[in-house]
């Protein structure tokens, strides 16, 4: 069958929609403690899934934009 998904070849990787605190801190080039401070102050939004805390790439980019990241 030509339309069989099992024969179509490898599926391209999907970019993650959410980042862990460690990944978000690394993306911003700050330590996790600084990330948590920014989160506590309300400067960074989080997505909570049960007990997990995650960050969206768009929120990290917005934070950079608000703080002179484009200069």
C-alpha atoms as a PDB file:
ATOM      1  CA  UNK A   1       0.000   0.000   0.000  1.00  0.00           C
ATOM      2  CA  UNK A   2       1.560   3.352  -1.003  1.00  0.00           C
ATOM      3  CA  UNK A   3      -0.172   5.355   1.761  1.00  0.00           C
ATOM      4  CA  UNK A   4       0.769   3.028   4.603  1.00  0.00           C
ATOM      5  CA  UNK A   5       2.304   5.210   7.397  1.00  0.00           C
ATOM      6  CA  UNK A   6       4.568   2.358   8.472  1.00  0.00           C
ATOM      7  CA  UNK A   7       6.227   2.354   5.052  1.00  0.00           C
ATOM      8  CA  UNK A   8       6.476   6.140   4.689  1.00  0.00           C
ATOM      9  CA  UNK A   9       9.866   6.398   6.377  1.00  0.00           C
ATOM     10  CA  UNK A  10      11.057   8.125   9.540  1.00  0.00           C
ATOM     11  CA  UNK A  11       8.891  10.836  11.050  1.00  0.00           C
ATOM     12  CA  UNK A  12      10.630  14.184  11.541  1.00  0.00           C
ATOM     13  CA  UNK A  13      11.220  15.067  15.200  1.00  0.00           C
ATOM     14  CA  UNK A  14       8.659  17.287  16.894  1.00  0.00           C
ATOM     15  CA  UNK A  15       9.989  20.376  18.671  1.00  0.00           C
ATOM     16  CA  UNK A  16       9.013  20.449  22.352  1.00  0.00           C
ATOM     17  CA  UNK A  17       6.152  22.800  23.199  1.00  0.00           C
ATOM     18  CA  UNK A  18       7.207  23.224  26.827  1.00  0.00           C
ATOM     19  CA  UNK A  19      10.584  23.499  28.540  1.00  0.00           C
ATOM     20  CA  UNK A  20      11.593  22.324  31.991  1.00  0.00           C
ATOM     21  CA  UNK A  21      13.085  24.823  34.435  1.00  0.00           C
ATOM     22  CA  UNK A  22      16.558  23.511  33.647  1.00  0.00           C
ATOM     23  CA  UNK A  23      15.997  23.862  29.894  1.00  0.00           C
ATOM     24  CA  UNK A  24      14.457  27.340  30.285  1.00  0.00           C
ATOM     25  CA  UNK A  25      17.346  28.524  32.474  1.00  0.00           C
ATOM     26  CA  UNK A  26      19.829  27.214  29.934  1.00  0.00           C
ATOM     27  CA  UNK A  27      17.939  28.921  27.094  1.00  0.00           C
ATOM     28  CA  UNK A  28      18.135  32.251  28.974  1.00  0.00           C
ATOM     29  CA  UNK A  29      21.753  31.650  30.064  1.00  0.00           C
ATOM     30  CA  UNK A  30      20.880  32.037  33.744  1.00  0.00           C
ATOM     31  CA  UNK A  31      21.003  29.665  36.684  1.00  0.00           C
ATOM     32  CA  UNK A  32      17.855  27.905  37.862  1.00  0.00           C
ATOM     33  CA  UNK A  33      17.765  30.017  41.032  1.00  0.00           C
ATOM     34  CA  UNK A  34      17.528  33.175  38.920  1.00  0.00           C
ATOM     35  CA  UNK A  35      14.788  31.586  36.837  1.00  0.00           C
ATOM     36  CA  UNK A  36      12.786  30.763  39.970  1.00  0.00           C
ATOM     37  CA  UNK A  37      13.262  34.334  41.251  1.00  0.00           C
ATOM     38  CA  UNK A  38      11.956  35.748  37.970  1.00  0.00           C
ATOM     39  CA  UNK A  39       9.025  33.343  38.136  1.00  0.00           C
ATOM     40  CA  UNK A  40       8.196  34.296  41.739  1.00  0.00           C
ATOM     41  CA  UNK A  41       8.247  37.992  40.825  1.00  0.00           C
ATOM     42  CA  UNK A  42       5.794  37.321  38.012  1.00  0.00           C
ATOM     43  CA  UNK A  43       8.283  38.318  35.318  1.00  0.00           C
ATOM     44  CA  UNK A  44       8.041  34.871  33.733  1.00  0.00           C
ATOM     45  CA  UNK A  45       4.823  32.925  33.296  1.00  0.00           C
ATOM     46  CA  UNK A  46       4.662  29.194  33.848  1.00  0.00           C
ATOM     47  CA  UNK A  47       2.439  26.373  32.713  1.00  0.00           C
ATOM     48  CA  UNK A  48       1.511  24.020  35.527  1.00  0.00           C
ATOM     49  CA  UNK A  49       0.606  20.437  34.740  1.00  0.00           C
ATOM     50  CA  UNK A  50      -0.223  18.774  38.057  1.00  0.00           C
ATOM     51  CA  UNK A  51       2.976  19.325  40.048  1.00  0.00           C
ATOM     52  CA  UNK A  52       5.178  19.999  37.024  1.00  0.00           C
ATOM     53  CA  UNK A  53       6.226  23.535  36.127  1.00  0.00           C
ATOM     54  CA  UNK A  54       7.037  24.271  32.487  1.00  0.00           C
ATOM     55  CA  UNK A  55       7.874  27.334  30.394  1.00  0.00           C
ATOM     56  CA  UNK A  56       6.829  28.109  26.836  1.00  0.00           C
ATOM     57  CA  UNK A  57       9.367  29.279  24.317  1.00  0.00           C
ATOM     58  CA  UNK A  58       7.101  32.196  23.404  1.00  0.00           C
ATOM     59  CA  UNK A  59       7.015  33.370  27.053  1.00  0.00           C
ATOM     60  CA  UNK A  60      10.815  33.218  27.233  1.00  0.00           C
ATOM     61  CA  UNK A  61      11.081  35.206  23.991  1.00  0.00           C
ATOM     62  CA  UNK A  62       8.559  37.772  25.291  1.00  0.00           C
ATOM     63  CA  UNK A  63      10.605  38.146  28.487  1.00  0.00           C
ATOM     64  CA  UNK A  64      13.735  38.784  26.434  1.00  0.00           C
ATOM     65  CA  UNK A  65      11.886  41.343  24.317  1.00  0.00           C
ATOM     66  CA  UNK A  66      10.597  43.196  27.401  1.00  0.00           C
ATOM     67  CA  UNK A  67      14.070  43.315  28.895  1.00  0.00           C
ATOM     68  CA  UNK A  68      16.011  44.772  26.001  1.00  0.00           C
ATOM     69  CA  UNK A  69      16.976  41.517  24.315  1.00  0.00           C
ATOM     70  CA  UNK A  70      16.592  43.072  20.871  1.00  0.00           C
ATOM     71  CA  UNK A  71      19.055  45.901  21.484  1.00  0.00           C
END
